[in-house]
Amino acid sequence: MNDVRVRIPTPLRSFSSGEAEVEVAAASVGEALDALVDRHPELRRHLYTEDGTLRNFVNAYLNEEDVRRLNGPATPVGRGDLITILPSIAGGSGGPGESGGVGGSAAGGGAAVAEHPAASGVLSNEEIRRYSRHLIMPEVGMEGQRKLRAARILMIGAGGLGSPVGLYLAAAGVGTLGIVDFDVVDETNLQRQLLHGTDDVGRSKLESARERIAEANPHVDVEGHEVRLDSSNALDIIDRYDLVVDGTDNFPTRYLVNDACVLLGKPYVYGSIFRFEGQVSVFGAEDGPCYRCLFREPPPPGLVPSCAEGGVLGVLPGIVGALQAAEAIKLVIGRGEPLVGRLLLVDALEMRFRELKLRRDPGCPVCGDEPTVTALIDYQDFCGIPDAERAEAEVLEGTPSVTARELADRLAAGEEIRVLDVREPHEWDIANLGPLGATLIPLGSLDERLGELSTADTLVVHCRSGARSARAVRRLLDAGFRRVHNLEGGILAWSADVDPTMPTY
């Protein structure tokens, strides 16, 4: 047995009592993970399938090496080794070819975008002045700047990641920026999405981004695609560009972009964010891995929280998006060593950067030696969205409930009702029903704290919008509680229908 450390990622720390790292005694990776879930049983369903195998949307790394490329759970560990649990991250915190493909090698041995015929064009005196700090760098120079002007780069999303990506690529002189986004600016976006301002709330993100980019650099041509990217249009849209920068915030679009780029031979720069943590890599490059080599399958809907549910530090998309922009520029000018075969992990809370090795999986269904995915599929179905929506609807439909107005009236009439809040403590700090006697028991702790509740009480359970509390009600009913109801619409409904002074988030 050796003492090894197991690093727990932010999305799973609510199931580990907040611990970021634990030390266990083990002889192998599998034993270390078993010791971890023995200590924190709630982690088991997030890490393992019912038959005990590691889930396809969660990877484990021993130091810098993917355990799957070693000897799996049987991989031996040594004293002081670090095992990193690497889960899929949903958030990009955003919204939702004629000019080349994958070319030869960059100076550092990575991938490069094929040179566009227009790269030989002459820069105007105004452009020379604007890009002078690039031009005096031998790694860029006139040749590299002409390549940037001729480049056609597609941004998926004009939100958290798309903001720094769009601004930096425009400032760098990328000639054509395509933007896919059909969302509108919301007030909650302004904490991180710097393409948009207060006056843009309610406007199309695409139009807001177009204006801001034109202000940053009028030499950039913005091509807008105000559509939901799906299997019917992805190939046509992506094929018009040299490379893609992925700022998606959901799994169906991420797998769609991955598969489309691999099928078209387009490299794409991946980025994802959650709370204080981010991931960056380059997928779809020649002989390099794709996203499915990292995460073969998506997690079940609802298992991995989105940025809307878990939050994101406002500057984190700026850090990750700037890294994505740097990778895109390197691919265009053919210089440096892109993040092909490498996954960069960013921890802004501890301000640490770690690099993990990635390899193309010969058995990958998209980029492997014998691919089985040779055309785009229904990615909503692949990610289980319809089934999850139906299941959620069934839970809500079959759950006893009360409206916010009904609850307020019953409390005002003196009825003894215990209000149970199943949100997280930091959500309670934003807004709560504490003055009405509400009790906070987060959903993840409900099973172990059932002893604090009485089956004789009338319970009304609430969360932010009603979904988590509906699941809590089902658990309570299964545990023998009978006088229990869900608050329809959660605390948002209370703010809208009862107390408009209560803040929303």
Protein backbone atom coordinates (compact mmCIF):
# COMPACT_ATOMS: atom_id res chain seq x y z
CA MET A 1 0.00 0.00 0.00
CA ASN A 2 1.18 3.49 -0.85
CA ASP A 3 -0.11 6.87 0.24
CA VAL A 4 -1.49 8.62 -2.85
CA ARG A 5 -3.51 11.77 -3.39
CA VAL A 6 -6.83 11.85 -5.23
CA ARG A 7 -7.83 15.21 -6.71
CA ILE A 8 -11.60 15.85 -6.74
CA PRO A 9 -12.85 18.34 -9.35
CA THR A 10 -15.11 21.24 -8.43
CA PRO A 11 -18.35 19.77 -9.92
CA LEU A 12 -18.05 16.77 -7.59
CA ARG A 13 -16.95 18.50 -4.39
CA SER A 14 -20.50 18.93 -3.15
CA PHE A 15 -20.48 15.12 -2.79
CA SER A 16 -17.15 15.07 -0.94
CA SER A 17 -18.00 17.50 1.87
CA GLY A 18 -16.12 20.18 -0.05
CA GLU A 19 -12.81 18.33 -0.02
CA ALA A 20 -10.63 19.11 -3.05
CA GLU A 21 -8.01 16.47 -2.37
CA VAL A 22 -7.86 13.40 -0.17
CA GLU A 23 -5.04 11.07 0.74
CA VAL A 24 -5.69 7.34 0.68
CA ALA A 25 -3.65 4.18 0.99
CA ALA A 26 -3.79 2.02 -2.13
CA ALA A 27 -1.76 -0.23 -4.40
CA SER A 28 -3.63 0.64 -7.61
CA VAL A 29 -5.77 3.36 -9.13
CA GLY A 30 -8.87 1.23 -8.65
CA GLU A 31 -8.14 0.72 -4.96
CA ALA A 32 -7.57 4.45 -4.51
CA LEU A 33 -10.93 5.29 -6.10
CA ASP A 34 -12.64 2.58 -4.03
CA ALA A 35 -11.17 4.13 -0.89
CA LEU A 36 -12.42 7.52 -2.04
CA VAL A 37 -16.03 6.40 -2.55
CA ASP A 38 -15.94 4.48 0.75
CA ARG A 39 -15.14 7.80 2.39
CA HIS A 40 -17.67 9.73 0.31
CA PRO A 41 -20.41 7.29 -0.82
CA GLU A 42 -22.34 9.96 -2.79
CA LEU A 43 -19.47 10.00 -5.31
CA ARG A 44 -20.09 6.41 -6.36
CA ARG A 45 -22.98 7.06 -8.73
CA HIS A 46 -21.02 9.90 -10.36
CA LEU A 47 -17.92 7.76 -10.96
CA TYR A 48 -19.20 4.23 -11.54
CA THR A 49 -21.90 2.46 -13.49
CA GLU A 50 -24.13 -0.07 -11.75
CA ASP A 51 -21.76 -2.89 -12.78
CA GLY A 52 -18.81 -1.09 -11.18
CA THR A 53 -16.98 0.20 -14.25
CA LEU A 54 -15.75 3.78 -14.53
CA ARG A 55 -18.25 5.93 -16.40
CA ASN A 56 -17.40 7.02 -19.96
CA PHE A 57 -17.81 10.70 -19.14
CA VAL A 58 -15.34 10.56 -16.25
CA ASN A 59 -11.65 9.89 -16.77
CA ALA A 60 -8.91 9.23 -14.26
CA TYR A 61 -5.33 10.37 -14.72
CA LEU A 62 -2.29 9.08 -12.88
CA ASN A 63 -0.04 12.09 -12.75
CA GLU A 64 -0.15 13.16 -16.45
CA GLU A 65 -1.18 9.85 -18.03
CA ASP A 66 -4.69 8.69 -18.91
CA VAL A 67 -5.31 5.56 -16.86
CA ARG A 68 -7.22 4.04 -19.80
CA ARG A 69 -4.00 4.13 -21.85
CA LEU A 70 -2.10 2.38 -19.05
CA ASN A 71 -3.63 -0.62 -17.33
CA GLY A 72 -6.98 0.82 -16.33
CA PRO A 73 -8.00 0.57 -12.65
CA ALA A 74 -5.30 -2.09 -12.15
CA THR A 75 -2.56 0.48 -12.85
CA PRO A 76 -0.17 0.39 -9.87
CA VAL A 77 0.46 3.56 -7.90
CA GLY A 78 3.54 4.74 -6.03
CA ARG A 79 4.01 6.84 -2.94
CA GLY A 80 3.17 10.49 -3.61
CA ASP A 81 1.36 9.85 -6.92
CA LEU A 82 -1.53 12.12 -7.84
CA ILE A 83 -4.75 10.68 -9.25
CA THR A 84 -6.89 13.33 -10.96
CA ILE A 85 -10.58 12.73 -11.59
CA LEU A 86 -11.48 14.48 -14.85
CA PRO A 87 -15.22 14.90 -15.53
CA SER A 88 -17.06 16.39 -18.49
CA ILE A 89 -17.78 20.08 -17.90
CA ALA A 90 -20.98 21.38 -19.44
CA GLY A 91 -20.37 25.08 -19.41
CA GLY A 92 -19.07 27.44 -22.04
CA SER A 93 -21.27 29.95 -20.31
CA GLY A 94 -22.50 31.32 -23.59
CA GLY A 95 -25.81 30.29 -25.06
CA PRO A 96 -25.74 28.00 -27.13
CA GLY A 97 -14.70 25.17 -45.79
CA GLU A 98 -13.95 26.65 -49.09
CA SER A 99 -10.95 28.28 -47.54
CA GLY A 100 -8.92 25.36 -46.35
CA GLY A 101 -8.73 22.50 -43.90
CA VAL A 102 -6.05 20.79 -41.87
CA GLY A 103 -2.64 21.39 -43.33
CA GLY A 104 0.92 20.48 -42.48
CA SER A 105 2.83 20.85 -39.25
CA ALA A 106 3.40 24.00 -37.31
CA ALA A 107 6.88 24.94 -36.20
CA GLY A 108 6.40 23.13 -32.91
CA GLY A 109 5.13 19.91 -34.47
CA GLY A 110 1.38 20.52 -34.12
CA ALA A 111 -1.36 21.23 -36.64
CA ALA A 112 -1.65 24.25 -38.91
CA VAL A 113 -4.46 25.65 -41.02
CA ALA A 114 -3.92 25.39 -44.75
CA GLU A 115 -2.86 28.70 -46.29
CA HIS A 116 -5.61 30.67 -47.95
CA PRO A 117 -4.86 32.06 -51.45
CA ALA A 118 -5.60 35.58 -50.21
CA ALA A 119 -2.71 35.36 -47.72
CA SER A 120 -0.40 36.89 -50.30
CA GLY A 121 -2.44 40.14 -50.36
CA VAL A 122 -0.84 43.45 -49.53
CA LEU A 123 -1.56 45.10 -46.17
CA SER A 124 -2.64 48.72 -46.29
CA ASN A 125 -0.65 51.39 -44.47
CA GLU A 126 -3.46 51.63 -41.92
CA GLU A 127 -3.31 47.87 -41.29
CA ILE A 128 0.48 48.01 -40.95
CA ARG A 129 0.15 50.68 -38.28
CA ARG A 130 -2.62 48.78 -36.48
CA TYR A 131 -0.75 45.46 -36.44
CA SER A 132 2.75 46.87 -36.02
CA ARG A 133 3.34 45.04 -32.74
CA HIS A 134 2.65 41.80 -34.58
CA LEU A 135 4.72 42.71 -37.60
CA ILE A 136 7.90 43.30 -35.62
CA MET A 137 7.66 39.78 -34.16
CA PRO A 138 9.58 37.36 -36.40
CA GLU A 139 7.12 34.60 -35.51
CA VAL A 140 4.30 36.63 -37.09
CA GLY A 141 5.71 39.27 -39.45
CA MET A 142 4.04 40.31 -42.67
CA GLU A 143 3.48 36.72 -43.76
CA GLY A 144 1.69 35.74 -40.56
CA GLN A 145 -0.43 38.87 -40.56
CA ARG A 146 -1.54 38.22 -44.12
CA LYS A 147 -2.53 34.71 -43.07
CA LEU A 148 -4.59 36.17 -40.23
CA ARG A 149 -6.33 38.58 -42.58
CA ALA A 150 -7.16 35.74 -44.97
CA ALA A 151 -8.34 33.41 -42.20
CA ARG A 152 -11.98 32.45 -41.73
CA ILE A 153 -12.71 31.38 -38.16
CA LEU A 154 -16.07 30.25 -36.82
CA MET A 155 -17.03 30.96 -33.21
CA ILE A 156 -19.72 28.75 -31.70
CA GLY A 157 -21.40 31.08 -29.22
CA ALA A 158 -21.05 34.79 -28.44
CA GLY A 159 -21.20 34.39 -24.68
CA GLY A 160 -18.65 33.87 -21.92
CA LEU A 161 -15.94 32.21 -24.00
CA GLY A 162 -17.00 33.83 -27.26
CA SER A 163 -16.47 37.31 -25.83
CA PRO A 164 -12.69 37.16 -25.33
CA VAL A 165 -12.28 34.92 -28.37
CA GLY A 166 -14.14 37.36 -30.63
CA LEU A 167 -12.44 40.47 -29.29
CA TYR A 168 -8.92 39.07 -29.39
CA LEU A 169 -9.26 37.47 -32.81
CA ALA A 170 -10.74 40.69 -34.18
CA ALA A 171 -7.97 42.77 -32.60
CA ALA A 172 -5.39 40.35 -34.02
CA GLY A 173 -6.69 40.99 -37.53
CA VAL A 174 -8.54 37.80 -38.42
CA GLY A 175 -10.27 38.72 -41.67
CA THR A 176 -13.56 36.86 -41.24
CA LEU A 177 -15.27 35.85 -38.02
CA GLY A 178 -18.34 33.68 -38.24
CA ILE A 179 -20.57 33.63 -35.16
CA VAL A 180 -23.27 31.07 -34.42
CA ASP A 181 -25.68 32.29 -31.73
CA PHE A 182 -29.45 32.67 -31.57
CA ASP A 183 -29.70 33.87 -27.96
CA VAL A 184 -30.51 37.33 -26.59
CA VAL A 185 -28.53 39.27 -24.00
CA ASP A 186 -29.70 38.73 -20.43
CA GLU A 187 -28.75 40.77 -17.40
CA THR A 188 -27.10 37.71 -15.84
CA ASN A 189 -24.71 37.57 -18.83
CA LEU A 190 -23.07 40.90 -18.06
CA GLN A 191 -20.89 39.59 -15.24
CA ARG A 192 -18.64 37.81 -17.78
CA GLN A 193 -19.79 38.33 -21.39
CA LEU A 194 -17.82 41.44 -22.33
CA LEU A 195 -19.09 41.56 -25.89
CA HIS A 196 -22.32 42.95 -24.45
CA GLY A 197 -23.25 45.91 -22.25
CA THR A 198 -26.15 47.05 -20.13
CA ASP A 199 -27.86 48.75 -23.08
CA ASP A 200 -27.77 45.45 -24.99
CA VAL A 201 -30.05 43.57 -22.57
CA GLY A 202 -32.87 42.06 -24.61
CA ARG A 203 -31.00 42.47 -27.91
CA SER A 204 -29.75 39.71 -30.17
CA LYS A 205 -26.32 38.58 -29.01
CA LEU A 206 -25.29 38.30 -32.62
CA GLU A 207 -26.06 41.94 -33.38
CA SER A 208 -24.49 43.13 -30.13
CA ALA A 209 -21.34 41.13 -30.90
CA ARG A 210 -21.22 42.42 -34.46
CA GLU A 211 -21.27 46.03 -33.27
CA ARG A 212 -18.66 45.49 -30.57
CA ILE A 213 -16.30 43.66 -32.93
CA ALA A 214 -16.68 46.40 -35.55
CA GLU A 215 -15.74 48.91 -32.88
CA ALA A 216 -12.68 46.84 -31.97
CA ASN A 217 -11.57 46.45 -35.60
CA PRO A 218 -13.55 47.70 -38.61
CA HIS A 219 -11.37 45.58 -40.93
CA VAL A 220 -13.03 42.38 -39.67
CA ASP A 221 -15.95 40.92 -41.61
CA VAL A 222 -18.51 39.33 -39.25
CA GLU A 223 -20.71 36.62 -40.74
CA GLY A 224 -23.69 35.92 -38.52
CA HIS A 225 -25.56 32.64 -38.23
CA GLU A 226 -28.52 33.35 -35.97
CA VAL A 227 -29.65 29.74 -35.86
CA ARG A 228 -29.56 26.80 -33.51
CA LEU A 229 -26.68 24.66 -34.73
CA ASP A 230 -27.94 21.14 -35.39
CA SER A 231 -27.39 18.15 -37.65
CA SER A 232 -29.28 19.78 -40.51
CA ASN A 233 -27.02 22.83 -40.84
CA ALA A 234 -23.73 22.15 -39.01
CA LEU A 235 -21.80 20.68 -41.93
CA ASP A 236 -22.82 23.46 -44.29
CA ILE A 237 -21.93 26.23 -41.82
CA ILE A 238 -18.66 24.77 -40.54
CA ASP A 239 -17.43 23.86 -44.02
CA ARG A 240 -17.20 27.58 -44.91
CA TYR A 241 -14.44 28.17 -42.35
CA ASP A 242 -10.83 27.18 -41.77
CA LEU A 243 -11.21 26.29 -38.11
CA VAL A 244 -13.72 26.44 -35.28
CA VAL A 245 -13.47 27.86 -31.75
CA ASP A 246 -15.91 26.03 -29.50
CA GLY A 247 -17.66 28.13 -26.85
CA THR A 248 -20.69 25.90 -26.39
CA ASP A 249 -22.45 25.48 -23.06
CA ASN A 250 -24.20 22.16 -23.56
CA PHE A 251 -23.25 18.60 -24.45
CA PRO A 252 -25.41 18.05 -27.57
CA THR A 253 -23.78 21.00 -29.36
CA ARG A 254 -20.31 20.01 -28.18
CA TYR A 255 -20.58 16.49 -29.59
CA LEU A 256 -22.16 17.88 -32.76
CA VAL A 257 -19.27 20.30 -33.29
CA ASN A 258 -16.73 17.56 -32.60
CA ASP A 259 -18.23 15.12 -35.05
CA ALA A 260 -18.80 17.73 -37.77
CA CYS A 261 -15.21 19.01 -37.52
CA VAL A 262 -13.76 15.50 -37.69
CA LEU A 263 -15.94 14.61 -40.70
CA LEU A 264 -14.91 17.82 -42.48
CA GLY A 265 -11.26 17.69 -41.47
CA LYS A 266 -11.41 20.99 -39.58
CA PRO A 267 -9.39 21.59 -36.41
CA TYR A 268 -11.24 23.16 -33.54
CA VAL A 269 -10.19 24.79 -30.30
CA TYR A 270 -12.07 23.40 -27.31
CA GLY A 271 -12.77 25.27 -24.11
CA SER A 272 -15.08 24.68 -21.16
CA ILE A 273 -15.54 26.34 -17.79
CA PHE A 274 -17.20 25.73 -14.44
CA ARG A 275 -16.94 27.87 -11.30
CA PHE A 276 -13.14 28.36 -10.98
CA GLU A 277 -11.98 25.62 -13.35
CA GLY A 278 -11.47 25.42 -17.10
CA GLN A 279 -10.21 23.07 -19.79
CA VAL A 280 -8.53 23.91 -23.13
CA SER A 281 -7.32 21.71 -25.99
CA VAL A 282 -7.18 21.44 -29.77
CA PHE A 283 -9.20 18.62 -31.31
CA GLY A 284 -9.77 17.39 -34.82
CA ALA A 285 -6.21 18.03 -35.99
CA GLU A 286 -4.45 15.55 -38.25
CA ASP A 287 -3.43 12.46 -36.26
CA GLY A 288 -4.60 14.14 -33.06
CA PRO A 289 -7.44 13.12 -30.73
CA CYS A 290 -11.00 14.40 -30.83
CA TYR A 291 -13.37 15.21 -27.98
CA ARG A 292 -14.78 11.67 -28.04
CA CYS A 293 -11.28 10.31 -27.41
CA LEU A 294 -11.45 12.16 -24.11
CA PHE A 295 -15.10 11.60 -23.24
CA ARG A 296 -16.64 8.79 -25.30
CA GLU A 297 -20.17 9.50 -24.10
CA PRO A 298 -21.99 12.40 -22.42
CA PRO A 299 -23.16 12.25 -18.82
CA PRO A 300 -26.86 11.65 -18.17
CA PRO A 301 -28.84 14.91 -18.28
CA GLY A 302 -28.84 16.72 -14.96
CA LEU A 303 -25.89 14.85 -13.48
CA VAL A 304 -23.36 17.54 -14.41
CA PRO A 305 -24.49 21.04 -13.39
CA SER A 306 -24.44 23.84 -15.94
CA CYS A 307 -22.90 27.25 -15.31
CA ALA A 308 -26.42 28.55 -14.67
CA GLU A 309 -26.75 26.04 -11.83
CA GLY A 310 -23.19 26.00 -10.52
CA GLY A 311 -21.94 29.46 -11.41
CA VAL A 312 -18.70 30.66 -12.95
CA LEU A 313 -16.11 33.21 -11.85
CA GLY A 314 -16.57 36.18 -14.16
CA VAL A 315 -12.92 36.39 -15.22
CA LEU A 316 -12.52 32.64 -15.87
CA PRO A 317 -14.01 32.72 -19.39
CA GLY A 318 -11.65 35.62 -20.04
CA ILE A 319 -8.67 33.46 -19.11
CA VAL A 320 -9.84 30.36 -20.98
CA GLY A 321 -11.15 32.32 -23.97
CA ALA A 322 -7.84 34.18 -24.31
CA LEU A 323 -6.05 30.82 -24.35
CA GLN A 324 -8.43 29.61 -27.05
CA ALA A 325 -7.77 32.73 -29.12
CA ALA A 326 -4.02 32.18 -28.77
CA GLU A 327 -4.39 28.59 -30.00
CA ALA A 328 -6.48 29.71 -32.96
CA ILE A 329 -3.88 32.32 -33.96
CA LYS A 330 -1.07 29.75 -33.72
CA LEU A 331 -3.02 27.38 -35.96
CA VAL A 332 -3.54 30.11 -38.55
CA ILE A 333 0.05 31.36 -38.70
CA GLY A 334 1.55 27.87 -38.36
CA ARG A 335 3.80 28.72 -35.44
CA GLY A 336 4.38 27.31 -32.00
CA GLU A 337 3.11 24.10 -30.49
CA PRO A 338 -0.70 23.92 -30.36
CA LEU A 339 -2.49 21.97 -27.65
CA VAL A 340 -2.87 18.92 -29.88
CA GLY A 341 -2.67 15.80 -27.74
CA ARG A 342 -2.61 17.91 -24.59
CA LEU A 343 -5.37 19.00 -22.23
CA LEU A 344 -4.66 22.16 -20.24
CA LEU A 345 -6.44 22.40 -16.89
CA VAL A 346 -6.93 25.85 -15.38
CA ASP A 347 -7.67 26.32 -11.69
CA ALA A 348 -8.23 30.03 -11.10
CA LEU A 349 -8.94 29.55 -7.41
CA GLU A 350 -5.45 28.21 -6.75
CA MET A 351 -4.05 29.85 -9.92
CA ARG A 352 -2.52 26.62 -11.13
CA PHE A 353 -2.15 25.24 -14.64
CA ARG A 354 -1.74 21.51 -15.25
CA GLU A 355 -1.24 19.64 -18.49
CA LEU A 356 -2.50 16.13 -19.16
CA LYS A 357 -1.58 13.98 -22.12
CA LEU A 358 -4.23 13.01 -24.67
CA ARG A 359 -3.89 10.41 -27.39
CA ARG A 360 -6.10 9.53 -30.30
CA ASP A 361 -8.15 6.48 -29.42
CA PRO A 362 -7.87 3.89 -32.24
CA GLY A 363 -11.30 2.65 -31.17
CA CYS A 364 -12.94 6.09 -31.22
CA PRO A 365 -16.29 5.89 -33.05
CA VAL A 366 -15.55 9.15 -34.91
CA CYS A 367 -11.80 9.52 -35.51
CA GLY A 368 -10.66 5.93 -34.82
CA ASP A 369 -9.23 3.40 -37.23
CA GLU A 370 -12.68 1.99 -38.03
CA PRO A 371 -15.15 4.81 -37.34
CA THR A 372 -18.80 3.92 -36.87
CA VAL A 373 -20.06 7.52 -36.88
CA THR A 374 -19.74 8.58 -40.51
CA ALA A 375 -22.61 11.07 -40.57
CA LEU A 376 -24.16 13.46 -38.10
CA ILE A 377 -26.75 11.99 -35.77
CA ASP A 378 -29.52 13.27 -33.50
CA TYR A 379 -27.40 14.75 -30.71
CA GLN A 380 -30.33 15.63 -28.47
CA ASP A 381 -31.23 11.95 -28.52
CA PHE A 382 -27.57 10.89 -28.14
CA CYS A 383 -27.31 12.99 -24.98
CA GLY A 384 -30.62 11.68 -23.65
CA ILE A 385 -32.35 15.07 -23.65
CA PRO A 386 -35.82 13.94 -24.84
CA ASP A 387 -35.92 11.06 -22.34
CA ALA A 388 -34.71 13.34 -19.56
CA GLU A 389 -37.29 15.99 -20.41
CA ARG A 390 -40.05 13.40 -20.43
CA ALA A 391 -38.83 11.99 -17.12
CA GLU A 392 -38.64 15.48 -15.61
CA ALA A 393 -42.13 16.26 -16.88
CA GLU A 394 -43.43 13.02 -15.38
CA VAL A 395 -41.81 13.84 -12.03
CA LEU A 396 -43.29 17.34 -12.02
CA GLU A 397 -46.68 16.13 -13.19
CA GLY A 398 -46.89 13.40 -10.58
CA THR A 399 -45.61 15.48 -7.70
CA PRO A 400 -48.02 17.12 -5.23
CA SER A 401 -47.50 20.86 -5.47
CA VAL A 402 -48.65 24.29 -4.35
CA THR A 403 -48.20 27.68 -5.96
CA ALA A 404 -46.29 30.50 -4.28
CA ARG A 405 -49.52 32.45 -3.81
CA GLU A 406 -51.26 29.46 -2.23
CA LEU A 407 -48.37 28.92 0.18
CA ALA A 408 -48.33 32.60 1.15
CA ASP A 409 -52.08 32.55 1.83
CA ARG A 410 -51.90 29.38 3.91
CA LEU A 411 -49.02 30.73 5.99
CA ALA A 412 -50.86 34.04 6.49
CA ALA A 413 -53.88 32.09 7.71
CA GLY A 414 -51.76 30.54 10.44
CA GLU A 415 -51.45 27.05 9.02
CA GLU A 416 -48.46 25.16 10.42
CA ILE A 417 -46.27 24.41 7.42
CA ARG A 418 -42.58 23.59 7.49
CA VAL A 419 -40.74 25.06 4.48
CA LEU A 420 -37.76 23.03 3.33
CA ASP A 421 -35.12 24.61 1.07
CA VAL A 422 -33.01 22.04 -0.86
CA ARG A 423 -30.68 24.52 -2.56
CA GLU A 424 -26.99 25.00 -1.71
CA PRO A 425 -25.82 27.26 1.15
CA HIS A 426 -24.45 29.91 -1.22
CA GLU A 427 -27.87 30.11 -2.89
CA TRP A 428 -29.51 30.57 0.50
CA ASP A 429 -27.22 33.58 1.05
CA ILE A 430 -28.60 35.23 -2.10
CA ALA A 431 -32.26 34.91 -1.17
CA ASN A 432 -34.18 32.72 1.25
CA LEU A 433 -37.44 32.20 3.10
CA GLY A 434 -35.73 32.15 6.48
CA PRO A 435 -38.15 34.74 7.95
CA LEU A 436 -40.93 32.22 7.26
CA GLY A 437 -39.06 29.55 9.20
CA ALA A 438 -37.53 27.78 6.21
CA THR A 439 -34.94 25.07 6.89
CA LEU A 440 -31.94 24.54 4.58
CA ILE A 441 -31.09 20.93 3.74
CA PRO A 442 -29.28 20.69 0.38
CA LEU A 443 -30.59 17.99 -1.92
CA GLY A 444 -27.28 16.10 -1.78
CA SER A 445 -27.60 15.82 2.01
CA LEU A 446 -31.30 15.01 2.17
CA ASP A 447 -31.05 11.24 2.51
CA GLU A 448 -28.64 11.38 5.45
CA ARG A 449 -30.63 14.14 7.22
CA LEU A 450 -34.11 12.63 6.99
CA GLY A 451 -33.98 12.15 10.76
CA GLU A 452 -34.28 15.94 11.16
CA LEU A 453 -37.74 15.82 9.58
CA SER A 454 -41.00 14.44 10.93
CA THR A 455 -43.57 12.55 8.89
CA ALA A 456 -46.21 14.32 10.98
CA ASP A 457 -45.22 17.72 9.57
CA THR A 458 -46.76 19.36 6.54
CA LEU A 459 -43.76 20.06 4.30
CA VAL A 460 -43.44 22.40 1.34
CA VAL A 461 -40.14 21.90 -0.46
CA HIS A 462 -38.56 24.49 -2.73
CA CYS A 463 -35.42 25.18 -4.75
CA ARG A 464 -34.64 27.89 -7.28
CA SER A 465 -37.14 26.93 -9.98
CA GLY A 466 -38.90 23.76 -8.82
CA ALA A 467 -36.95 20.93 -10.49
CA ARG A 468 -34.60 19.91 -7.68
CA SER A 469 -37.36 20.25 -5.11
CA ALA A 470 -39.61 17.97 -7.17
CA ARG A 471 -36.93 15.29 -6.98
CA ALA A 472 -36.66 15.92 -3.24
CA VAL A 473 -40.43 15.47 -2.85
CA ARG A 474 -40.24 12.12 -4.66
CA ARG A 475 -37.50 10.99 -2.28
CA LEU A 476 -39.54 12.08 0.72
CA LEU A 477 -42.63 10.27 -0.55
CA ASP A 478 -40.55 7.12 -1.08
CA ALA A 479 -39.24 7.49 2.48
CA GLY A 480 -42.78 7.46 3.91
CA PHE A 481 -43.63 11.16 4.08
CA ARG A 482 -47.18 11.87 2.97
CA ARG A 483 -47.90 15.53 3.77
CA VAL A 484 -45.32 16.95 1.40
CA HIS A 485 -45.66 19.32 -1.58
CA ASN A 486 -43.40 20.98 -4.12
CA LEU A 487 -43.37 24.77 -4.50
CA GLU A 488 -44.13 25.36 -8.18
CA GLY A 489 -41.54 27.60 -9.77
CA GLY A 490 -39.41 27.68 -6.63
CA ILE A 491 -38.12 30.86 -5.05
CA LEU A 492 -38.28 32.56 -8.46
CA ALA A 493 -42.06 32.18 -8.36
CA TRP A 494 -42.13 33.52 -4.81
CA SER A 495 -40.28 36.63 -5.99
CA ALA A 496 -42.57 37.05 -9.00
CA ASP A 497 -45.92 36.39 -7.32
CA VAL A 498 -45.49 37.17 -3.62
CA ASP A 499 -42.45 39.31 -2.78
CA PRO A 500 -41.01 41.30 -5.71
CA THR A 501 -38.32 42.76 -3.42
CA MET A 502 -36.68 39.34 -3.18
CA PRO A 503 -33.62 39.19 -5.49
CA THR A 504 -33.51 36.61 -8.30
CA TYR A 505 -30.50 34.89 -9.81
